[in-house]
């Protein structure tokens, strides 16, 4: 039901553009662990957006150096207040 008020809750959303702007930091810094990359994204979202109580970040690495053929590896981490 839309009564013309802010029923979408835009005041409780995250500006994806701001999050994407942080992505170059991931390219400039070398990480040994995928979990560290996830932390680099997740922690700033919580600090920059006080209305966010929890954020889940998934990092996917398509090329890995292992002895068997894999399509990639990923890690998912959830950060909360």
N, C-alpha and C. Protein backbone atom coordinates (compact mmCIF):
# COMPACT_ATOMS: atom_id res chain seq x y z
N UNK A 1 0.84 -1.17 0.00
CA UNK A 1 0.00 0.00 0.00
C UNK A 1 0.89 1.24 0.00
N UNK A 2 0.69 2.11 -0.95
CA UNK A 2 1.47 3.32 -1.05
C UNK A 2 0.58 4.52 -0.84
N UNK A 3 0.74 5.19 0.30
CA UNK A 3 -0.08 6.36 0.61
C UNK A 3 0.65 7.67 0.32
N UNK A 4 1.74 7.59 -0.43
CA UNK A 4 2.49 8.79 -0.78
C UNK A 4 3.60 9.11 0.19
N UNK A 5 3.62 8.42 1.33
CA UNK A 5 4.71 8.66 2.28
C UNK A 5 5.93 7.86 1.84
N UNK A 6 6.99 7.98 2.59
CA UNK A 6 8.21 7.27 2.25
C UNK A 6 8.09 5.81 2.66
N UNK A 7 7.20 5.09 2.00
CA UNK A 7 6.92 3.71 2.38
C UNK A 7 8.07 2.77 2.01
N UNK A 8 8.96 3.21 1.13
CA UNK A 8 10.09 2.37 0.76
C UNK A 8 11.21 2.41 1.79
N UNK A 9 11.15 3.33 2.73
CA UNK A 9 12.17 3.42 3.76
C UNK A 9 13.52 3.86 3.22
N UNK A 10 13.54 4.79 2.30
CA UNK A 10 14.80 5.24 1.70
C UNK A 10 15.77 5.79 2.72
N UNK A 11 15.25 6.27 3.85
CA UNK A 11 16.14 6.78 4.88
C UNK A 11 16.92 5.66 5.57
N UNK A 12 16.54 4.42 5.32
CA UNK A 12 17.22 3.27 5.92
C UNK A 12 18.01 2.48 4.88
N UNK A 13 18.33 3.10 3.76
CA UNK A 13 19.06 2.41 2.69
C UNK A 13 20.51 2.88 2.63
N UNK A 14 21.31 2.13 1.91
CA UNK A 14 22.72 2.45 1.71
C UNK A 14 22.91 2.90 0.27
N UNK A 15 23.64 3.98 0.08
CA UNK A 15 23.97 4.47 -1.25
C UNK A 15 25.02 3.54 -1.84
N UNK A 16 24.61 2.70 -2.76
CA UNK A 16 25.52 1.72 -3.37
C UNK A 16 26.70 2.40 -4.05
N UNK A 17 26.50 3.60 -4.56
CA UNK A 17 27.57 4.34 -5.20
C UNK A 17 28.71 4.62 -4.24
N UNK A 18 28.38 4.93 -2.98
CA UNK A 18 29.40 5.18 -1.98
C UNK A 18 30.18 3.90 -1.70
N UNK A 19 29.50 2.78 -1.63
CA UNK A 19 30.17 1.50 -1.39
C UNK A 19 31.07 1.16 -2.56
N UNK A 20 30.60 1.37 -3.78
CA UNK A 20 31.38 1.06 -4.97
C UNK A 20 32.62 1.95 -5.05
N UNK A 21 32.51 3.19 -4.58
CA UNK A 21 33.67 4.09 -4.57
C UNK A 21 34.81 3.53 -3.74
N UNK A 22 34.49 2.70 -2.75
CA UNK A 22 35.51 2.09 -1.91
C UNK A 22 36.23 0.94 -2.64
N UNK A 23 35.66 0.42 -3.71
CA UNK A 23 36.22 -0.74 -4.42
C UNK A 23 37.65 -0.53 -4.90
N UNK A 24 38.05 0.65 -5.37
CA UNK A 24 39.44 0.82 -5.79
C UNK A 24 40.44 0.53 -4.67
N UNK A 25 40.04 0.70 -3.42
CA UNK A 25 40.93 0.36 -2.31
C UNK A 25 41.30 -1.12 -2.35
N UNK A 26 40.37 -1.94 -2.80
CA UNK A 26 40.64 -3.37 -2.89
C UNK A 26 41.66 -3.67 -3.98
N UNK A 27 41.68 -2.86 -5.02
CA UNK A 27 42.61 -3.09 -6.13
C UNK A 27 44.01 -2.58 -5.82
N UNK A 28 44.13 -1.55 -4.98
CA UNK A 28 45.43 -0.95 -4.69
C UNK A 28 46.16 -1.66 -3.56
N UNK A 29 45.44 -2.40 -2.75
CA UNK A 29 46.04 -3.05 -1.60
C UNK A 29 46.15 -4.55 -1.85
N UNK A 30 47.25 -5.13 -1.42
CA UNK A 30 47.42 -6.58 -1.57
C UNK A 30 46.92 -7.28 -0.32
N UNK A 31 46.13 -8.31 -0.51
CA UNK A 31 45.57 -9.06 0.59
C UNK A 31 46.03 -10.51 0.50
N UNK A 32 46.39 -11.09 1.62
CA UNK A 32 46.73 -12.51 1.66
C UNK A 32 45.47 -13.35 1.85
N UNK A 33 44.47 -12.80 2.52
CA UNK A 33 43.26 -13.54 2.84
C UNK A 33 42.02 -12.87 2.26
N UNK A 34 41.12 -13.67 1.73
CA UNK A 34 39.85 -13.13 1.23
C UNK A 34 39.06 -12.50 2.37
N UNK A 35 39.19 -13.06 3.57
CA UNK A 35 38.49 -12.51 4.73
C UNK A 35 38.91 -11.07 5.01
N UNK A 36 40.18 -10.76 4.78
CA UNK A 36 40.67 -9.39 4.97
C UNK A 36 40.03 -8.44 3.96
N UNK A 37 39.85 -8.91 2.74
CA UNK A 37 39.15 -8.09 1.74
C UNK A 37 37.72 -7.82 2.16
N UNK A 38 37.06 -8.84 2.66
CA UNK A 38 35.68 -8.67 3.11
C UNK A 38 35.60 -7.65 4.23
N UNK A 39 36.54 -7.69 5.15
CA UNK A 39 36.59 -6.74 6.26
C UNK A 39 36.76 -5.31 5.73
N UNK A 40 37.56 -5.15 4.69
CA UNK A 40 37.81 -3.83 4.10
C UNK A 40 36.55 -3.22 3.52
N UNK A 41 35.61 -4.05 3.11
CA UNK A 41 34.33 -3.56 2.59
C UNK A 41 33.30 -3.45 3.70
N UNK A 42 33.19 -4.47 4.51
CA UNK A 42 32.13 -4.53 5.53
C UNK A 42 32.24 -3.49 6.63
N UNK A 43 33.42 -3.32 7.17
CA UNK A 43 33.60 -2.37 8.28
C UNK A 43 33.25 -0.93 7.90
N UNK A 44 33.69 -0.44 6.73
CA UNK A 44 33.32 0.93 6.36
C UNK A 44 31.81 1.13 6.16
N UNK A 45 31.12 0.11 5.69
CA UNK A 45 29.67 0.25 5.54
C UNK A 45 29.03 0.48 6.90
N UNK A 46 29.45 -0.28 7.90
CA UNK A 46 28.88 -0.09 9.24
C UNK A 46 29.25 1.27 9.81
N UNK A 47 30.46 1.74 9.56
CA UNK A 47 30.86 3.02 10.14
C UNK A 47 30.25 4.21 9.40
N UNK A 48 30.04 4.10 8.10
CA UNK A 48 29.50 5.23 7.32
C UNK A 48 27.99 5.31 7.32
N UNK A 49 27.33 4.19 7.63
CA UNK A 49 25.87 4.16 7.59
C UNK A 49 25.33 3.68 8.93
N UNK A 50 25.07 4.61 9.85
CA UNK A 50 24.63 4.23 11.20
C UNK A 50 23.32 3.44 11.23
N UNK A 51 22.50 3.57 10.21
CA UNK A 51 21.22 2.85 10.20
C UNK A 51 21.38 1.38 9.84
N UNK A 52 22.56 1.00 9.36
CA UNK A 52 22.81 -0.39 8.99
C UNK A 52 23.26 -1.15 10.24
N UNK A 53 22.53 -2.21 10.57
CA UNK A 53 22.88 -3.02 11.73
C UNK A 53 23.72 -4.22 11.38
N UNK A 54 23.63 -4.65 10.13
CA UNK A 54 24.36 -5.84 9.69
C UNK A 54 24.61 -5.76 8.19
N UNK A 55 25.79 -6.21 7.77
CA UNK A 55 26.11 -6.25 6.34
C UNK A 55 26.82 -7.57 6.05
N UNK A 56 26.44 -8.20 4.94
CA UNK A 56 27.09 -9.43 4.51
C UNK A 56 27.85 -9.14 3.22
N UNK A 57 29.11 -9.54 3.19
CA UNK A 57 29.99 -9.30 2.04
C UNK A 57 30.44 -10.65 1.50
N UNK A 58 30.34 -10.81 0.18
CA UNK A 58 30.85 -12.01 -0.47
C UNK A 58 31.97 -11.61 -1.41
N UNK A 59 33.12 -12.24 -1.26
CA UNK A 59 34.27 -12.00 -2.12
C UNK A 59 34.53 -13.27 -2.92
N UNK A 60 34.62 -13.13 -4.24
CA UNK A 60 34.86 -14.27 -5.12
C UNK A 60 36.18 -14.07 -5.84
N UNK A 61 37.01 -15.10 -5.84
CA UNK A 61 38.29 -15.07 -6.54
C UNK A 61 38.23 -16.14 -7.63
N UNK A 62 38.19 -15.72 -8.91
CA UNK A 62 38.01 -16.69 -10.00
C UNK A 62 39.24 -17.53 -10.31
N UNK A 63 40.42 -17.01 -10.02
CA UNK A 63 41.65 -17.76 -10.33
C UNK A 63 42.41 -18.04 -9.04
N UNK A 64 42.63 -19.32 -8.79
CA UNK A 64 43.37 -19.72 -7.59
C UNK A 64 44.46 -20.71 -7.95
N UNK A 65 45.53 -20.69 -7.19
CA UNK A 65 46.65 -21.60 -7.43
C UNK A 65 46.49 -22.83 -6.54
N UNK A 66 45.83 -23.82 -7.08
CA UNK A 66 45.68 -25.09 -6.38
C UNK A 66 45.96 -26.21 -7.37
N UNK A 67 46.17 -27.41 -6.86
CA UNK A 67 46.55 -28.54 -7.69
C UNK A 67 45.39 -29.16 -8.47
N UNK A 68 44.20 -28.69 -8.28
CA UNK A 68 43.07 -29.24 -9.03
C UNK A 68 42.29 -28.12 -9.69
N UNK A 69 41.52 -28.46 -10.66
CA UNK A 69 40.75 -27.45 -11.40
C UNK A 69 39.51 -27.06 -10.60
N UNK A 70 39.38 -25.77 -10.35
CA UNK A 70 38.21 -25.23 -9.67
C UNK A 70 37.77 -23.97 -10.41
N UNK A 71 36.52 -23.64 -10.26
CA UNK A 71 36.00 -22.44 -10.94
C UNK A 71 36.29 -21.18 -10.14
N UNK A 72 36.81 -21.35 -8.95
CA UNK A 72 37.14 -20.21 -8.10
C UNK A 72 36.82 -20.53 -6.65
N UNK A 73 37.12 -19.59 -5.79
CA UNK A 73 36.80 -19.73 -4.37
C UNK A 73 36.11 -18.45 -3.91
N UNK A 74 35.36 -18.58 -2.85
CA UNK A 74 34.71 -17.40 -2.31
C UNK A 74 34.64 -17.50 -0.79
N UNK A 75 34.45 -16.35 -0.18
CA UNK A 75 34.24 -16.28 1.26
C UNK A 75 33.10 -15.29 1.48
N UNK A 76 32.27 -15.63 2.44
CA UNK A 76 31.16 -14.74 2.82
C UNK A 76 31.32 -14.42 4.29
N UNK A 77 31.26 -13.14 4.61
CA UNK A 77 31.42 -12.71 6.00
C UNK A 77 30.32 -11.73 6.34
N UNK A 78 29.76 -11.89 7.52
CA UNK A 78 28.72 -10.97 8.01
C UNK A 78 29.28 -10.17 9.17
N UNK A 79 29.07 -8.87 9.10
CA UNK A 79 29.53 -7.95 10.12
C UNK A 79 28.30 -7.28 10.74
N UNK A 80 28.28 -7.18 12.05
CA UNK A 80 27.13 -6.55 12.70
C UNK A 80 27.60 -5.68 13.86
N UNK A 81 26.72 -4.81 14.27
CA UNK A 81 27.03 -3.91 15.39
C UNK A 81 26.93 -4.66 16.69
